Amino acid sequence: MQTSELIGYLAAALTTCSFVPQALHTFRTRDVSGISLGMYSVFTAGVALWLLYGLALAAWPIVVANAITLTLAGTILTMKLRYRTRPRD
């Protein structure tokens, strides 16, 4: 394995793991009040595009990291949509 590929996998592991605490907290508490719907929507779309980019290049650190991150970010986004509070009339 080349040094650049090792760096890619390490970077992927660190950035992907950063989403685990938020996903676990959101799943356990169902508290989505501090999560921006706009930010997570755009972020999730961006991660999906990074995944496609990685697939197009056959860059496996990019593919693996973004597949996992897309799953976590998509889960958080889904919970935000499902558990958000509705404004009162």
PDB file of N, CA and C in Angstrom:
ATOM      1  N   MET A   1       0.857  -1.170   0.000  1.00  0.00           N
ATOM      2  CA  MET A   1       0.000   0.000   0.000  1.00  0.00           C
ATOM      3  C   MET A   1       0.908   1.240   0.000  1.00  0.00           C
ATOM      4  N   GLN A   2       0.592   2.180  -0.868  1.00  0.00           N
ATOM      5  CA  GLN A   2       1.370   3.412  -0.955  1.00  0.00           C
ATOM      6  C   GLN A   2       1.052   4.342   0.207  1.00  0.00           C
ATOM      7  N   THR A   3       1.985   5.213   0.502  1.00  0.00           N
ATOM      8  CA  THR A   3       1.792   6.167   1.594  1.00  0.00           C
ATOM      9  C   THR A   3       0.578   7.049   1.353  1.00  0.00           C
ATOM     10  N   SER A   4       0.386   7.486   0.123  1.00  0.00           N
ATOM     11  CA  SER A   4      -0.761   8.350  -0.174  1.00  0.00           C
ATOM     12  C   SER A   4      -2.076   7.622   0.052  1.00  0.00           C
ATOM     13  N   GLU A   5      -2.128   6.333  -0.275  1.00  0.00           N
ATOM     14  CA  GLU A   5      -3.348   5.557  -0.049  1.00  0.00           C
ATOM     15  C   GLU A   5      -3.580   5.356   1.451  1.00  0.00           C
ATOM     16  N   LEU A   6      -2.523   5.135   2.188  1.00  0.00           N
ATOM     17  CA  LEU A   6      -2.628   4.985   3.638  1.00  0.00           C
ATOM     18  C   LEU A   6      -3.139   6.283   4.273  1.00  0.00           C
ATOM     19  N   ILE A   7      -2.616   7.410   3.811  1.00  0.00           N
ATOM     20  CA  ILE A   7      -3.095   8.708   4.296  1.00  0.00           C
ATOM     21  C   ILE A   7      -4.579   8.867   3.973  1.00  0.00           C
ATOM     22  N   GLY A   8      -4.975   8.466   2.779  1.00  0.00           N
ATOM     23  CA  GLY A   8      -6.380   8.544   2.382  1.00  0.00           C
ATOM     24  C   GLY A   8      -7.278   7.724   3.290  1.00  0.00           C
ATOM     25  N   TYR A   9      -6.874   6.499   3.588  1.00  0.00           N
ATOM     26  CA  TYR A   9      -7.676   5.658   4.474  1.00  0.00           C
ATOM     27  C   TYR A   9      -7.733   6.225   5.891  1.00  0.00           C
ATOM     28  N   LEU A  10      -6.620   6.770   6.379  1.00  0.00           N
ATOM     29  CA  LEU A  10      -6.607   7.348   7.710  1.00  0.00           C
ATOM     30  C   LEU A  10      -7.511   8.577   7.769  1.00  0.00           C
ATOM     31  N   ALA A  11      -7.407   9.445   6.776  1.00  0.00           N
ATOM     32  CA  ALA A  11      -8.274  10.625   6.714  1.00  0.00           C
ATOM     33  C   ALA A  11      -9.736  10.210   6.632  1.00  0.00           C
ATOM     34  N   ALA A  12     -10.017   9.208   5.823  1.00  0.00           N
ATOM     35  CA  ALA A  12     -11.383   8.705   5.680  1.00  0.00           C
ATOM     36  C   ALA A  12     -11.914   8.170   6.999  1.00  0.00           C
ATOM     37  N   ALA A  13     -11.091   7.410   7.704  1.00  0.00           N
ATOM     38  CA  ALA A  13     -11.520   6.839   8.984  1.00  0.00           C
ATOM     39  C   ALA A  13     -11.826   7.939   9.999  1.00  0.00           C
ATOM     40  N   LEU A  14     -10.963   8.937  10.078  1.00  0.00           N
ATOM     41  CA  LEU A  14     -11.169  10.004  11.059  1.00  0.00           C
ATOM     42  C   LEU A  14     -12.399  10.839  10.748  1.00  0.00           C
ATOM     43  N   THR A  15     -12.563  11.254   9.507  1.00  0.00           N
ATOM     44  CA  THR A  15     -13.710  12.103   9.183  1.00  0.00           C
ATOM     45  C   THR A  15     -15.017  11.329   9.254  1.00  0.00           C
ATOM     46  N   THR A  16     -14.994  10.076   8.876  1.00  0.00           N
ATOM     47  CA  THR A  16     -16.205   9.261   8.942  1.00  0.00           C
ATOM     48  C   THR A  16     -16.592   8.976  10.384  1.00  0.00           C
ATOM     49  N   CYS A  17     -15.632   8.650  11.209  1.00  0.00           N
ATOM     50  CA  CYS A  17     -15.917   8.356  12.619  1.00  0.00           C
ATOM     51  C   CYS A  17     -16.456   9.570  13.354  1.00  0.00           C
ATOM     52  N   SER A  18     -16.174  10.763  12.852  1.00  0.00           N
ATOM     53  CA  SER A  18     -16.659  11.959  13.525  1.00  0.00           C
ATOM     54  C   SER A  18     -18.185  12.049  13.512  1.00  0.00           C
ATOM     55  N   PHE A  19     -18.843  11.330  12.617  1.00  0.00           N
ATOM     56  CA  PHE A  19     -20.301  11.364  12.545  1.00  0.00           C
ATOM     57  C   PHE A  19     -20.965  10.365  13.479  1.00  0.00           C
ATOM     58  N   VAL A  20     -20.239   9.398  13.953  1.00  0.00           N
ATOM     59  CA  VAL A  20     -20.828   8.358  14.800  1.00  0.00           C
ATOM     60  C   VAL A  20     -21.433   8.927  16.086  1.00  0.00           C
ATOM     61  N   PRO A  21     -20.729   9.782  16.839  1.00  0.00           N
ATOM     62  CA  PRO A  21     -21.347  10.307  18.068  1.00  0.00           C
ATOM     63  C   PRO A  21     -22.650  11.064  17.809  1.00  0.00           C
ATOM     64  N   GLN A  22     -22.696  11.876  16.752  1.00  0.00           N
ATOM     65  CA  GLN A  22     -23.923  12.623  16.442  1.00  0.00           C
ATOM     66  C   GLN A  22     -25.055  11.675  16.078  1.00  0.00           C
ATOM     67  N   ALA A  23     -24.752  10.667  15.280  1.00  0.00           N
ATOM     68  CA  ALA A  23     -25.781   9.702  14.891  1.00  0.00           C
ATOM     69  C   ALA A  23     -26.306   8.946  16.106  1.00  0.00           C
ATOM     70  N   LEU A  24     -25.409   8.492  16.970  1.00  0.00           N
ATOM     71  CA  LEU A  24     -25.835   7.766  18.173  1.00  0.00           C
ATOM     72  C   LEU A  24     -26.654   8.666  19.099  1.00  0.00           C
ATOM     73  N   HIS A  25     -26.179   9.889  19.311  1.00  0.00           N
ATOM     74  CA  HIS A  25     -26.914  10.823  20.171  1.00  0.00           C
ATOM     75  C   HIS A  25     -28.306  11.094  19.608  1.00  0.00           C
ATOM     76  N   THR A  26     -28.388  11.346  18.328  1.00  0.00           N
ATOM     77  CA  THR A  26     -29.677  11.648  17.702  1.00  0.00           C
ATOM     78  C   THR A  26     -30.602  10.432  17.766  1.00  0.00           C
ATOM     79  N   PHE A  27     -30.057   9.264  17.528  1.00  0.00           N
ATOM     80  CA  PHE A  27     -30.876   8.054  17.582  1.00  0.00           C
ATOM     81  C   PHE A  27     -31.394   7.802  18.990  1.00  0.00           C
ATOM     82  N   ARG A  28     -30.533   7.992  19.989  1.00  0.00           N
ATOM     83  CA  ARG A  28     -30.929   7.727  21.381  1.00  0.00           C
ATOM     84  C   ARG A  28     -31.928   8.753  21.910  1.00  0.00           C
ATOM     85  N   THR A  29     -31.682  10.032  21.634  1.00  0.00           N
ATOM     86  CA  THR A  29     -32.495  11.090  22.241  1.00  0.00           C
ATOM     87  C   THR A  29     -33.624  11.577  21.342  1.00  0.00           C
ATOM     88  N   ARG A  30     -33.488  11.343  20.057  1.00  0.00           N
ATOM     89  CA  ARG A  30     -34.423  11.867  19.053  1.00  0.00           C
ATOM     90  C   ARG A  30     -34.481  13.397  19.086  1.00  0.00           C
ATOM     91  N   ASP A  31     -33.448  14.000  19.664  1.00  0.00           N
ATOM     92  CA  ASP A  31     -33.359  15.462  19.734  1.00  0.00           C
ATOM     93  C   ASP A  31     -32.617  15.964  18.497  1.00  0.00           C
ATOM     94  N   VAL A  32     -33.336  16.610  17.639  1.00  0.00           N
ATOM     95  CA  VAL A  32     -32.758  17.132  16.400  1.00  0.00           C
ATOM     96  C   VAL A  32     -32.793  18.659  16.368  1.00  0.00           C
ATOM     97  N   SER A  33     -33.065  19.263  17.508  1.00  0.00           N
ATOM     98  CA  SER A  33     -33.231  20.713  17.553  1.00  0.00           C
ATOM     99  C   SER A  33     -31.959  21.465  17.177  1.00  0.00           C
ATOM    100  N   GLY A  34     -30.813  20.895  17.438  1.00  0.00           N
ATOM    101  CA  GLY A  34     -29.561  21.568  17.142  1.00  0.00           C
ATOM    102  C   GLY A  34     -28.998  21.254  15.773  1.00  0.00           C
ATOM    103  N   ILE A  35     -29.741  20.543  14.959  1.00  0.00           N
ATOM    104  CA  ILE A  35     -29.261  20.123  13.639  1.00  0.00           C
ATOM    105  C   ILE A  35     -29.924  20.984  12.569  1.00  0.00           C
ATOM    106  N   SER A  36     -29.114  21.530  11.701  1.00  0.00           N
ATOM    107  CA  SER A  36     -29.613  22.365  10.614  1.00  0.00           C
ATOM    108  C   SER A  36     -30.079  21.491   9.452  1.00  0.00           C
ATOM    109  N   LEU A  37     -31.355  21.613   9.107  1.00  0.00           N
ATOM    110  CA  LEU A  37     -31.901  20.844   7.985  1.00  0.00           C
ATOM    111  C   LEU A  37     -31.211  21.230   6.678  1.00  0.00           C
ATOM    112  N   GLY A  38     -31.006  22.520   6.471  1.00  0.00           N
ATOM    113  CA  GLY A  38     -30.350  22.975   5.249  1.00  0.00           C
ATOM    114  C   GLY A  38     -28.930  22.454   5.131  1.00  0.00           C
ATOM    115  N   MET A  39     -28.175  22.553   6.218  1.00  0.00           N
ATOM    116  CA  MET A  39     -26.786  22.092   6.202  1.00  0.00           C
ATOM    117  C   MET A  39     -26.707  20.598   5.943  1.00  0.00           C
ATOM    118  N   TYR A  40     -27.509  19.804   6.634  1.00  0.00           N
ATOM    119  CA  TYR A  40     -27.444  18.357   6.458  1.00  0.00           C
ATOM    120  C   TYR A  40     -27.958  17.920   5.088  1.00  0.00           C
ATOM    121  N   SER A  41     -28.900  18.653   4.536  1.00  0.00           N
ATOM    122  CA  SER A  41     -29.388  18.333   3.190  1.00  0.00           C
ATOM    123  C   SER A  41     -28.291  18.546   2.161  1.00  0.00           C
ATOM    124  N   VAL A  42     -27.652  19.708   2.218  1.00  0.00           N
ATOM    125  CA  VAL A  42     -26.580  20.013   1.265  1.00  0.00           C
ATOM    126  C   VAL A  42     -25.380  19.099   1.500  1.00  0.00           C
ATOM    127  N   PHE A  43     -25.035  18.869   2.765  1.00  0.00           N
ATOM    128  CA  PHE A  43     -23.910  17.997   3.084  1.00  0.00           C
ATOM    129  C   PHE A  43     -24.130  16.584   2.558  1.00  0.00           C
ATOM    130  N   THR A  44     -25.318  16.043   2.780  1.00  0.00           N
ATOM    131  CA  THR A  44     -25.622  14.687   2.330  1.00  0.00           C
ATOM    132  C   THR A  44     -25.549  14.581   0.805  1.00  0.00           C
ATOM    133  N   ALA A  45     -26.053  15.583   0.111  1.00  0.00           N
ATOM    134  CA  ALA A  45     -25.951  15.603  -1.357  1.00  0.00           C
ATOM    135  C   ALA A  45     -24.482  15.665  -1.782  1.00  0.00           C
ATOM    136  N   GLY A  46     -23.691  16.477  -1.100  1.00  0.00           N
ATOM    137  CA  GLY A  46     -22.268  16.566  -1.412  1.00  0.00           C
ATOM    138  C   GLY A  46     -21.543  15.256  -1.191  1.00  0.00           C
ATOM    139  N   VAL A  47     -21.854  14.571  -0.109  1.00  0.00           N
ATOM    140  CA  VAL A  47     -21.230  13.277   0.175  1.00  0.00           C
ATOM    141  C   VAL A  47     -21.612  12.260  -0.906  1.00  0.00           C
ATOM    142  N   ALA A  48     -22.863  12.293  -1.352  1.00  0.00           N
ATOM    143  CA  ALA A  48     -23.294  11.390  -2.427  1.00  0.00           C
ATOM    144  C   ALA A  48     -22.477  11.656  -3.695  1.00  0.00           C
ATOM    145  N   LEU A  49     -22.228  12.919  -3.987  1.00  0.00           N
ATOM    146  CA  LEU A  49     -21.418  13.248  -5.163  1.00  0.00           C
ATOM    147  C   LEU A  49     -19.960  12.820  -4.986  1.00  0.00           C
ATOM    148  N   TRP A  50     -19.412  12.963  -3.786  1.00  0.00           N
ATOM    149  CA  TRP A  50     -18.059  12.470  -3.525  1.00  0.00           C
ATOM    150  C   TRP A  50     -17.989  10.952  -3.716  1.00  0.00           C
ATOM    151  N   LEU A  51     -19.027  10.267  -3.303  1.00  0.00           N
ATOM    152  CA  LEU A  51     -19.082   8.819  -3.496  1.00  0.00           C
ATOM    153  C   LEU A  51     -19.056   8.483  -4.983  1.00  0.00           C
ATOM    154  N   LEU A  52     -19.859   9.168  -5.770  1.00  0.00           N
ATOM    155  CA  LEU A  52     -19.866   8.940  -7.216  1.00  0.00           C
ATOM    156  C   LEU A  52     -18.503   9.265  -7.827  1.00  0.00           C
ATOM    157  N   TYR A  53     -17.881  10.339  -7.368  1.00  0.00           N
ATOM    158  CA  TYR A  53     -16.555  10.725  -7.842  1.00  0.00           C
ATOM    159  C   TYR A  53     -15.537   9.630  -7.526  1.00  0.00           C
ATOM    160  N   GLY A  54     -15.575   9.129  -6.308  1.00  0.00           N
ATOM    161  CA  GLY A  54     -14.671   8.053  -5.923  1.00  0.00           C
ATOM    162  C   GLY A  54     -14.885   6.803  -6.744  1.00  0.00           C
ATOM    163  N   LEU A  55     -16.133   6.482  -7.024  1.00  0.00           N
ATOM    164  CA  LEU A  55     -16.435   5.323  -7.868  1.00  0.00           C
ATOM    165  C   LEU A  55     -15.898   5.526  -9.287  1.00  0.00           C
ATOM    166  N   ALA A  56     -16.070   6.740  -9.813  1.00  0.00           N
ATOM    167  CA  ALA A  56     -15.589   7.037 -11.166  1.00  0.00           C
ATOM    168  C   ALA A  56     -14.074   6.899 -11.262  1.00  0.00           C
ATOM    169  N   LEU A  57     -13.372   7.240 -10.192  1.00  0.00           N
ATOM    170  CA  LEU A  57     -11.911   7.153 -10.174  1.00  0.00           C
ATOM    171  C   LEU A  57     -11.403   5.813  -9.657  1.00  0.00           C
ATOM    172  N   ALA A  58     -12.308   4.992  -9.145  1.00  0.00           N
ATOM    173  CA  ALA A  58     -11.933   3.741  -8.466  1.00  0.00           C
ATOM    174  C   ALA A  58     -10.960   4.044  -7.323  1.00  0.00           C
ATOM    175  N   ALA A  59     -11.217   5.146  -6.623  1.00  0.00           N
ATOM    176  CA  ALA A  59     -10.406   5.560  -5.481  1.00  0.00           C
ATOM    177  C   ALA A  59     -11.076   5.019  -4.221  1.00  0.00           C
ATOM    178  N   TRP A  60     -10.628   3.862  -3.783  1.00  0.00           N
ATOM    179  CA  TRP A  60     -11.327   3.134  -2.733  1.00  0.00           C
ATOM    180  C   TRP A  60     -11.354   3.836  -1.392  1.00  0.00           C
ATOM    181  N   PRO A  61     -10.325   4.589  -0.978  1.00  0.00           N
ATOM    182  CA  PRO A  61     -10.490   5.341   0.281  1.00  0.00           C
ATOM    183  C   PRO A  61     -11.652   6.330   0.203  1.00  0.00           C
ATOM    184  N   ILE A  62     -11.819   6.974  -0.944  1.00  0.00           N
ATOM    185  CA  ILE A  62     -12.922   7.927  -1.128  1.00  0.00           C
ATOM    186  C   ILE A  62     -14.254   7.195  -1.142  1.00  0.00           C
ATOM    187  N   VAL A  63     -14.302   6.062  -1.816  1.00  0.00           N
ATOM    188  CA  VAL A  63     -15.546   5.287  -1.916  1.00  0.00           C
ATOM    189  C   VAL A  63     -15.978   4.785  -0.542  1.00  0.00           C
ATOM    190  N   VAL A  64     -15.065   4.147   0.165  1.00  0.00           N
ATOM    191  CA  VAL A  64     -15.406   3.561   1.470  1.00  0.00           C
ATOM    192  C   VAL A  64     -15.840   4.643   2.453  1.00  0.00           C
ATOM    193  N   ALA A  65     -15.043   5.700   2.542  1.00  0.00           N
ATOM    194  CA  ALA A  65     -15.366   6.771   3.493  1.00  0.00           C
ATOM    195  C   ALA A  65     -16.707   7.408   3.188  1.00  0.00           C
ATOM    196  N   ASN A  66     -16.955   7.696   1.931  1.00  0.00           N
ATOM    197  CA  ASN A  66     -18.188   8.393   1.598  1.00  0.00           C
ATOM    198  C   ASN A  66     -19.404   7.481   1.616  1.00  0.00           C
ATOM    199  N   ALA A  67     -19.235   6.204   1.389  1.00  0.00           N
ATOM    200  CA  ALA A  67     -20.358   5.274   1.531  1.00  0.00           C
ATOM    201  C   ALA A  67     -20.805   5.217   2.993  1.00  0.00           C
ATOM    202  N   ILE A  68     -19.839   5.143   3.891  1.00  0.00           N
ATOM    203  CA  ILE A  68     -20.172   5.101   5.316  1.00  0.00           C
ATOM    204  C   ILE A  68     -20.722   6.445   5.777  1.00  0.00           C
ATOM    205  N   THR A  69     -20.056   7.537   5.372  1.00  0.00           N
ATOM    206  CA  THR A  69     -20.512   8.869   5.767  1.00  0.00           C
ATOM    207  C   THR A  69     -21.900   9.159   5.224  1.00  0.00           C
ATOM    208  N   LEU A  70     -22.174   8.729   3.992  1.00  0.00           N
ATOM    209  CA  LEU A  70     -23.504   8.926   3.408  1.00  0.00           C
ATOM    210  C   LEU A  70     -24.564   8.200   4.224  1.00  0.00           C
ATOM    211  N   THR A  71     -24.250   7.015   4.678  1.00  0.00           N
ATOM    212  CA  THR A  71     -25.183   6.263   5.513  1.00  0.00           C
ATOM    213  C   THR A  71     -25.452   6.998   6.822  1.00  0.00           C
ATOM    214  N   LEU A  72     -24.385   7.455   7.478  1.00  0.00           N
ATOM    215  CA  LEU A  72     -24.550   8.160   8.755  1.00  0.00           C
ATOM    216  C   LEU A  72     -25.260   9.498   8.569  1.00  0.00           C
ATOM    217  N   ALA A  73     -24.815  10.292   7.591  1.00  0.00           N
ATOM    218  CA  ALA A  73     -25.442  11.602   7.364  1.00  0.00           C
ATOM    219  C   ALA A  73     -26.891  11.435   6.911  1.00  0.00           C
ATOM    220  N   GLY A  74     -27.146  10.429   6.085  1.00  0.00           N
ATOM    221  CA  GLY A  74     -28.516  10.160   5.650  1.00  0.00           C
ATOM    222  C   GLY A  74     -29.407   9.759   6.807  1.00  0.00           C
ATOM    223  N   THR A  75     -28.857   8.999   7.735  1.00  0.00           N
ATOM    224  CA  THR A  75     -29.611   8.605   8.925  1.00  0.00           C
ATOM    225  C   THR A  75     -29.951   9.826   9.778  1.00  0.00           C
ATOM    226  N   ILE A  76     -28.968  10.691   9.987  1.00  0.00           N
ATOM    227  CA  ILE A  76     -29.201  11.908  10.762  1.00  0.00           C
ATOM    228  C   ILE A  76     -30.222  12.793  10.060  1.00  0.00           C
ATOM    229  N   LEU A  77     -30.088  12.941   8.747  1.00  0.00           N
ATOM    230  CA  LEU A  77     -31.040  13.760   7.982  1.00  0.00           C
ATOM    231  C   LEU A  77     -32.446  13.190   8.071  1.00  0.00           C
ATOM    232  N   THR A  78     -32.565  11.884   7.961  1.00  0.00           N
ATOM    233  CA  THR A  78     -33.873  11.234   8.075  1.00  0.00           C
ATOM    234  C   THR A  78     -34.481  11.486   9.446  1.00  0.00           C
ATOM    235  N   MET A  79     -33.658  11.374  10.493  1.00  0.00           N
ATOM    236  CA  MET A  79     -34.167  11.638  11.841  1.00  0.00           C
ATOM    237  C   MET A  79     -34.565  13.101  11.993  1.00  0.00           C
ATOM    238  N   LYS A  80     -33.813  14.009  11.383  1.00  0.00           N
ATOM    239  CA  LYS A  80     -34.171  15.423  11.444  1.00  0.00           C
ATOM    240  C   LYS A  80     -35.537  15.646  10.811  1.00  0.00           C
ATOM    241  N   LEU A  81     -35.780  15.020   9.690  1.00  0.00           N
ATOM    242  CA  LEU A  81     -37.078  15.163   9.018  1.00  0.00           C
ATOM    243  C   LEU A  81     -38.198  14.499   9.813  1.00  0.00           C
ATOM    244  N   ARG A  82     -37.885  13.386  10.429  1.00  0.00           N
ATOM    245  CA  ARG A  82     -38.917  12.631  11.148  1.00  0.00           C
ATOM    246  C   ARG A  82     -39.256  13.225  12.504  1.00  0.00           C
ATOM    247  N   TYR A  83     -38.261  13.705  13.238  1.00  0.00           N
ATOM    248  CA  TYR A  83     -38.470  14.128  14.624  1.00  0.00           C
ATOM    249  C   TYR A  83     -38.495  15.638  14.819  1.00  0.00           C
ATOM    250  N   ARG A  84     -38.431  16.392  13.743  1.00  0.00           N
ATOM    251  CA  ARG A  84     -38.434  17.855  13.920  1.00  0.00           C
ATOM    252  C   ARG A  84     -39.764  18.305  14.506  1.00  0.00           C
ATOM    253  N   THR A  85     -39.672  19.372  15.258  1.00  0.00           N
ATOM    254  CA  THR A  85     -40.901  19.911  15.836  1.00  0.00           C
ATOM    255  C   THR A  85     -41.587  20.768  14.809  1.00  0.00           C
ATOM    256  N   ARG A  86     -42.855  20.682  14.802  1.00  0.00           N
ATOM    257  CA  ARG A  86     -43.661  21.457  13.861  1.00  0.00           C
ATOM    258  C   ARG A  86     -44.053  22.777  14.524  1.00  0.00           C
ATOM    259  N   PRO A  87     -43.941  23.877  13.808  1.00  0.00           N
ATOM    260  CA  PRO A  87     -44.358  25.153  14.404  1.00  0.00           C
ATOM    261  C   PRO A  87     -45.854  25.148  14.703  1.00  0.00           C
ATOM    262  N   ARG A  88     -46.198  25.795  15.802  1.00  0.00           N
ATOM    263  CA  ARG A  88     -47.615  25.869  16.191  1.00  0.00           C
ATOM    264  C   ARG A  88     -48.270  27.044  15.465  1.00  0.00           C
ATOM    265  N   ASP A  89     -49.533  26.865  15.112  1.00  0.00           N
ATOM    266  CA  ASP A  89     -50.278  27.944  14.424  1.00  0.00           C
ATOM    267  C   ASP A  89     -50.818  28.937  15.410  1.00  0.00           C
TER     268      ASP A  89
END
